[in-house]
Protein backbone atom coordinates (compact mmCIF):
# COMPACT_ATOMS: atom_id res chain seq x y z
CA MET A 1 -5.74 3.54 -38.23
CA GLU A 2 -5.91 5.26 -34.85
CA ALA A 3 -3.53 4.64 -31.95
CA VAL A 4 -3.51 5.35 -28.25
CA SER A 5 -0.19 6.35 -26.73
CA ASN A 6 1.42 6.82 -23.37
CA SER A 7 4.10 9.44 -22.74
CA THR A 8 7.20 7.37 -23.61
CA PRO A 9 6.92 7.38 -27.43
CA LEU A 10 5.80 11.02 -27.43
CA ILE A 11 8.84 12.16 -25.45
CA ALA A 12 11.33 9.84 -27.17
CA LEU A 13 10.23 10.71 -30.71
CA SER A 14 10.10 14.42 -29.87
CA ARG A 15 13.65 14.21 -28.59
CA LEU A 16 14.68 12.63 -31.90
CA GLN A 17 12.62 15.24 -33.82
CA LYS A 18 10.56 12.40 -35.32
CA LEU A 19 7.17 12.80 -33.62
CA GLU A 20 5.55 12.99 -37.05
CA LEU A 21 6.28 9.28 -37.52
CA LEU A 22 3.26 8.57 -35.30
CA GLU A 23 1.06 10.57 -37.65
CA HIS A 24 2.62 8.87 -40.67
CA PHE A 25 1.94 5.36 -39.34
CA PHE A 26 -1.34 5.89 -37.46
CA GLY A 27 -2.96 9.07 -38.80
CA THR A 28 -4.45 10.15 -35.50
CA VAL A 29 -3.20 9.46 -31.99
CA SER A 30 -5.26 9.69 -28.83
CA ILE A 31 -3.63 10.23 -25.48
CA PRO A 32 -5.25 9.99 -22.05
CA VAL A 33 -5.79 13.31 -20.29
CA GLU A 34 -3.21 12.21 -17.71
CA VAL A 35 -0.59 11.72 -20.43
CA HIS A 36 -1.32 15.17 -21.86
CA ASP A 37 -0.91 16.61 -18.37
CA GLU A 38 2.39 14.75 -17.87
CA VAL A 39 3.91 15.72 -21.21
CA VAL A 40 2.47 19.18 -21.91
CA THR A 41 1.37 20.77 -18.63
CA ARG A 42 3.93 19.41 -16.21
CA GLY A 43 6.51 18.85 -18.97
CA GLY A 44 6.87 22.60 -19.46
CA THR A 45 10.05 23.09 -21.47
CA LEU A 46 11.01 19.41 -21.68
CA TYR A 47 11.05 17.33 -24.85
CA GLY A 48 7.59 16.74 -26.24
CA ALA A 49 5.73 19.57 -24.49
CA LYS A 50 5.56 21.98 -27.44
CA GLU A 51 5.40 19.28 -30.08
CA VAL A 52 2.44 17.47 -28.51
CA ALA A 53 0.61 20.71 -27.69
CA HIS A 54 0.82 21.86 -31.32
CA ALA A 55 0.14 18.55 -33.09
CA PRO A 56 -3.42 18.75 -34.49
CA TRP A 57 -3.47 14.98 -35.08
CA ILE A 58 -3.05 14.24 -31.33
CA SER A 59 -6.24 14.39 -29.28
CA GLU A 60 -6.98 13.94 -25.59
CA LEU A 61 -8.97 10.94 -24.45
CA LYS A 62 -10.74 10.58 -21.12
CA VAL A 63 -10.21 7.03 -19.92
CA ILE A 64 -12.88 5.56 -17.67
CA SER A 65 -12.08 2.23 -16.07
CA PRO A 66 -15.05 -0.15 -15.86
CA LEU A 67 -13.22 -1.93 -13.05
CA LEU A 68 -13.59 0.91 -10.56
CA PRO A 69 -17.08 2.22 -9.86
CA GLN A 70 -17.23 6.01 -9.84
CA PRO A 71 -17.46 7.26 -7.18
CA PHE A 72 -16.22 4.39 -5.05
CA ARG A 73 -18.72 4.50 -2.19
CA TYR A 74 -18.69 1.06 -0.64
CA ILE A 75 -15.77 -0.86 0.81
CA PRO A 76 -16.74 -4.44 1.68
CA PRO A 77 -16.15 -5.35 5.36
CA CYS A 78 -13.63 -8.05 4.45
CA ILE A 79 -11.48 -5.42 2.72
CA GLN A 80 -12.00 -2.89 5.51
CA ASN A 81 -10.79 -5.44 8.06
CA TYR A 82 -7.79 -6.34 5.92
CA CYS A 83 -6.68 -2.92 4.68
CA LEU A 84 -7.89 -0.42 7.23
CA LYS A 85 -6.32 -1.80 10.42
């Protein structure tokens, strides 16, 4: 079974030295690119940074929201009048 995770369980389990529990229960774990950036890149020397970076069973996942067209080119007039005053 595969799981998708945010930063909280990665940091908390790393702090407890139990990050491998995610692999034990789920096999592979995908994390959004933004979570990887938060934990590994910006996390630097904090809990989880090294552990997540070196866990071969954790992979990055690019999340694309179907709710927001990319790129957002058109703002309806009713929203412009409401938000852009």
